[in-house]
Protein backbone atom coordinates (compact mmCIF):
# COMPACT_ATOMS: atom_id res chain seq x y z
CA MET A 1 -14.91 8.58 8.17
CA ASN A 2 -12.54 7.92 11.08
CA ILE A 3 -8.43 7.91 10.58
CA THR A 4 -6.55 5.62 12.78
CA ILE A 5 -3.40 7.29 14.45
CA ILE A 6 -0.67 4.39 15.09
CA PHE A 7 1.82 6.85 16.79
CA GLU A 8 2.83 10.55 17.29
CA ASP A 9 5.43 12.46 19.27
CA GLU A 10 6.29 15.55 18.61
CA HIS A 11 8.09 15.28 15.51
CA ILE A 12 5.92 12.80 13.40
CA LEU A 13 2.33 11.71 12.96
CA CYS A 14 1.87 8.30 11.73
CA VAL A 15 -1.62 7.33 10.70
CA SER A 16 -3.63 4.73 8.80
CA LYS A 17 -4.65 5.82 5.50
CA PRO A 18 -8.25 4.47 4.07
CA ASN A 19 -8.66 3.30 0.34
CA ASN A 20 -8.81 5.92 -2.23
CA MET A 21 -7.92 9.23 -0.70
CA LEU A 22 -5.24 11.38 -1.48
CA VAL A 23 -2.67 12.16 0.56
CA HIS A 24 -2.97 15.90 -0.63
CA HIS A 25 -4.21 17.54 -3.64
CA ALA A 26 -1.85 18.82 -6.46
CA HIS A 27 -1.68 22.12 -7.51
CA HIS A 28 -3.77 21.59 -10.52
CA SER A 29 -6.15 19.00 -9.23
CA ARG A 30 -9.80 19.48 -10.45
CA ASN A 31 -11.02 17.78 -7.45
CA VAL A 32 -9.85 20.05 -4.73
CA SER A 33 -13.81 21.13 -3.84
CA GLU A 34 -14.95 17.99 -4.14
CA GLU A 35 -13.22 15.78 -1.83
CA THR A 36 -10.80 15.94 1.71
CA SER A 37 -7.36 14.70 1.27
CA LEU A 38 -5.66 13.26 4.17
CA LEU A 39 -3.72 16.15 5.10
CA GLN A 40 -6.98 18.70 4.87
CA TYR A 41 -8.57 15.89 7.05
CA ILE A 42 -6.10 16.00 9.86
CA MET A 43 -5.97 19.83 9.45
CA ASP A 44 -9.48 19.80 10.01
CA GLU A 45 -9.81 17.38 12.76
CA LYS A 46 -6.46 18.42 14.87
CA GLY A 47 -5.83 21.54 13.60
CA LEU A 48 -2.40 20.25 12.44
CA LYS A 49 -0.72 20.90 9.31
CA VAL A 50 1.61 18.03 8.47
CA TYR A 51 3.91 17.17 5.74
CA PRO A 52 4.25 13.85 3.92
CA ILE A 53 7.53 12.09 4.41
CA HIS A 54 6.83 9.41 1.54
CA ARG A 55 4.24 8.71 -0.96
CA LEU A 56 1.33 6.25 -0.59
CA ASP A 57 -1.01 6.04 -3.83
CA ARG A 58 -4.66 7.11 -3.63
CA LYS A 59 -5.75 3.40 -3.88
CA THR A 60 -3.13 1.95 -1.65
CA SER A 61 -4.46 1.65 2.39
CA GLY A 62 -1.92 1.68 5.41
CA ILE A 63 0.55 3.35 7.32
CA ILE A 64 1.92 6.72 6.05
CA LEU A 65 4.50 8.78 8.09
CA LEU A 66 3.64 12.76 8.13
CA ALA A 67 6.15 15.33 9.65
CA LYS A 68 4.91 18.01 12.35
CA GLU A 69 7.33 20.56 10.62
CA LYS A 70 8.80 20.80 7.42
CA GLY A 71 12.42 20.90 8.74
CA PHE A 72 12.02 17.66 10.10
CA VAL A 73 10.76 16.03 6.71
CA SER A 74 14.28 15.53 5.19
CA LYS A 75 15.69 13.64 8.58
CA PHE A 76 13.13 11.02 8.00
CA GLN A 77 13.39 10.97 4.13
CA GLU A 78 17.19 10.07 4.73
CA LEU A 79 15.76 6.78 6.19
CA PHE A 80 14.24 5.62 2.94
CA THR A 81 17.20 7.11 0.86
CA ASN A 82 19.63 5.12 3.11
CA ASN A 83 17.63 1.92 3.03
CA GLU A 84 17.40 2.45 6.87
CA ILE A 85 13.75 1.66 6.90
CA GLU A 86 11.83 -1.71 6.20
CA LYS A 87 8.55 -0.92 4.62
CA THR A 88 6.29 -4.09 4.24
CA TYR A 89 3.13 -4.22 2.08
CA TYR A 90 0.68 -6.87 1.49
CA GLY A 91 -1.45 -7.63 -1.64
CA ILE A 92 -3.76 -10.10 -2.79
CA VAL A 93 -3.17 -11.35 -6.52
CA ARG A 94 -4.31 -13.15 -9.21
CA GLY A 95 -3.06 -16.69 -9.58
CA PHE A 96 -0.52 -18.32 -7.28
CA ALA A 97 2.49 -16.34 -6.56
CA PRO A 98 5.82 -17.92 -6.35
CA ASP A 99 6.78 -19.09 -3.03
CA GLU A 100 9.77 -16.35 -3.12
CA LYS A 101 11.03 -13.97 -5.96
CA THR A 102 13.18 -11.08 -6.11
CA ILE A 103 11.90 -8.80 -8.72
CA ASP A 104 14.40 -6.29 -10.62
CA SER A 105 12.49 -4.74 -13.16
CA PRO A 106 13.23 -1.04 -13.96
CA VAL A 107 9.99 0.98 -13.64
CA LYS A 108 8.70 4.24 -15.35
CA GLY A 109 9.23 7.36 -13.23
CA ARG A 110 7.05 10.28 -13.37
CA ASP A 111 8.58 11.26 -16.29
CA ALA A 112 7.11 8.73 -18.20
CA ASN A 113 9.92 8.27 -20.75
CA VAL A 114 12.35 7.37 -18.23
CA HIS A 115 12.57 4.05 -16.73
CA LYS A 116 14.57 3.94 -13.11
CA GLU A 117 15.95 0.81 -11.59
CA ALA A 118 13.20 -0.93 -9.18
CA LEU A 119 13.54 -3.76 -6.65
CA THR A 120 11.14 -5.66 -4.71
CA TYR A 121 11.14 -8.92 -2.71
CA LEU A 122 7.99 -10.93 -2.79
CA LYS A 123 7.11 -13.78 -0.28
CA THR A 124 3.75 -15.70 -0.71
CA ILE A 125 1.82 -16.50 2.47
CA GLU A 126 -1.28 -17.82 1.74
CA LYS A 127 -3.03 -19.48 -1.38
CA VAL A 128 -6.60 -20.55 -1.95
CA THR A 129 -8.50 -22.10 -5.20
CA LEU A 130 -12.41 -20.87 -5.42
CA GLU A 131 -14.83 -22.73 -7.57
CA ILE A 132 -15.59 -19.48 -9.09
CA PRO A 133 -15.09 -19.46 -12.99
CA VAL A 134 -13.07 -16.62 -14.51
CA LYS A 135 -12.70 -16.96 -17.98
CA PRO A 136 -11.29 -18.78 -19.51
CA TYR A 137 -10.89 -20.98 -16.61
CA ASP A 138 -13.96 -22.85 -14.44
CA SER A 139 -12.09 -22.06 -11.24
CA SER A 140 -9.95 -19.10 -9.91
CA ARG A 141 -6.72 -18.87 -7.89
CA TYR A 142 -5.43 -16.16 -5.66
CA SER A 143 -2.25 -15.46 -3.45
CA LEU A 144 -1.63 -13.34 -0.45
CA VAL A 145 1.54 -11.94 -0.77
CA GLU A 146 4.25 -9.91 1.14
CA LEU A 147 5.98 -7.28 -0.38
CA LYS A 148 9.17 -5.43 0.43
CA PRO A 149 10.09 -2.47 -1.75
CA LYS A 150 13.95 -1.34 -1.85
CA THR A 151 13.34 1.25 -4.11
CA GLY A 152 10.61 3.83 -3.81
CA ARG A 153 9.73 4.29 -7.86
CA MET A 154 5.80 5.28 -8.83
CA HIS A 155 3.40 2.31 -8.45
CA GLN A 156 6.21 0.31 -8.25
CA LEU A 157 4.52 -2.76 -6.39
CA ARG A 158 1.51 -2.48 -8.86
CA VAL A 159 3.89 -2.75 -11.83
CA HIS A 160 5.80 -5.37 -10.50
CA ALA A 161 2.98 -7.58 -9.51
CA ASN A 162 1.75 -7.21 -12.80
CA LYS A 163 5.28 -8.06 -14.38
CA ILE A 164 5.39 -11.43 -12.80
CA SER A 165 1.51 -12.15 -14.04
CA ASN A 166 0.06 -11.90 -10.65
CA PRO A 167 -1.18 -8.39 -10.87
CA LEU A 168 -3.40 -6.76 -7.76
CA ILE A 169 -6.77 -7.37 -7.42
CA GLY A 170 -8.57 -4.54 -7.78
CA ASP A 171 -5.79 -2.58 -9.51
CA PRO A 172 -7.83 -0.37 -12.22
CA LYS A 173 -4.80 0.05 -14.33
CA TYR A 174 -2.45 -2.72 -14.20
CA GLY A 175 -4.69 -5.52 -12.83
CA ASP A 176 -7.03 -7.88 -14.58
CA LYS A 177 -10.66 -6.63 -15.48
CA ASN A 178 -12.30 -10.15 -15.31
CA HIS A 179 -11.06 -10.82 -11.63
CA ASN A 180 -11.63 -7.50 -10.49
CA ILE A 181 -15.36 -7.72 -11.76
CA MET A 182 -15.28 -11.02 -9.79
CA PHE A 183 -14.53 -9.88 -6.44
CA GLU A 184 -17.07 -7.03 -7.12
CA GLU A 185 -19.72 -9.38 -7.75
CA ASN A 186 -19.07 -12.12 -5.56
CA PHE A 187 -17.48 -10.57 -2.41
CA ASN A 188 -18.64 -6.87 -2.80
CA CYS A 189 -15.09 -5.68 -2.79
CA ALA A 190 -14.31 -3.01 -5.07
CA ASN A 191 -10.71 -1.65 -3.54
CA MET A 192 -7.37 -2.14 -4.62
CA PHE A 193 -5.90 -4.82 -2.51
CA LEU A 194 -2.63 -3.37 -1.85
CA HIS A 195 -2.06 -2.27 1.83
CA ALA A 196 0.83 -0.71 3.32
CA GLY A 197 0.94 -2.67 7.01
CA ARG A 198 4.34 -2.19 8.76
CA LEU A 199 7.34 0.53 8.95
CA GLU A 200 10.64 -0.88 11.12
CA PHE A 201 13.32 2.16 11.54
CA THR A 202 15.08 3.71 14.36
CA HIS A 203 13.21 7.28 15.03
CA PRO A 204 16.00 10.02 14.16
CA PHE A 205 15.71 12.14 16.93
CA SER A 206 14.86 9.94 20.00
CA LEU A 207 16.73 6.92 18.50
CA GLU A 208 13.86 4.77 19.51
CA LYS A 209 13.63 1.70 17.45
CA LEU A 210 9.84 1.62 16.47
CA VAL A 211 7.69 -1.15 14.80
CA LEU A 212 4.56 0.68 13.31
CA LYS A 213 1.71 -1.55 12.03
CA ALA A 214 -1.48 -0.56 10.29
CA SER A 215 -4.64 -3.06 10.54
CA PHE A 216 -6.51 -4.20 7.71
CA PRO A 217 -9.70 -2.35 5.97
CA LYS A 218 -12.58 -4.29 7.10
CA ASP A 219 -12.55 -6.01 3.50
CA TRP A 220 -9.43 -7.73 4.04
CA ILE A 221 -10.49 -9.17 7.24
CA SER A 222 -13.55 -10.57 5.59
CA LEU A 223 -11.55 -12.26 2.79
CA PHE A 224 -9.52 -13.63 5.49
CA GLU A 225 -12.13 -15.34 7.00
CA LYS A 226 -13.60 -16.56 3.99
CA PHE A 227 -10.57 -18.21 2.87
CA SER A 228 -9.36 -19.34 5.81
CA TRP A 229 -6.25 -17.04 5.75
CA VAL A 230 -4.05 -15.97 8.73
CA ASN A 231 -4.04 -12.44 9.33
CA PRO A 232 0.02 -11.86 9.07
CA LEU A 233 -0.19 -8.67 10.99
CA GLU A 234 -1.25 -10.77 13.96
CA LEU A 235 1.50 -13.21 13.94
């Protein structure tokens, strides 16, 4: 395994997290001895203890900011709290998604009984129709979407994609099982297609304007070629 470093200075380490990798183990995790978390990998490879500034699901790939000292975390978290950091995710979803849509729909927080306000801006970049039947249809349709969350709720983008009937491909919880199986059988793609592609913000210490990008995993690139889609991170 090779973790790509996107940016590094004395305050932060920005890396691209692979699919299906925990950022860190929960205290009561059963799998502590069985798998290496991102934080453990960085400690093993670089001898560096880092502190997550924001969350990224295990099944989501892409860009994550890590602080090199605990005292730096709050300064960067203020960017998220004050909406001074622009996060751009990309997803491959079932169906033809709307050209543009504002999804303003509450999402359950970590306390499953409490719903919190959540806002996502969606834009469709590419579409494809495949002559591959998926019940109950004789063909199947998919969209490449750009997702800009304005709040940071747990599973927000996954829930919001499902809310508008365009669930993410490969999502085991909120997705469409028939379409997930189709991608596995026809394209050998079993990962969830949600990628944190880009972060744009002003560094709170150096005041440098940063535009950081995480390249797509190989299975995305393969689908871009098959579907004749333009890679949005190369535009």
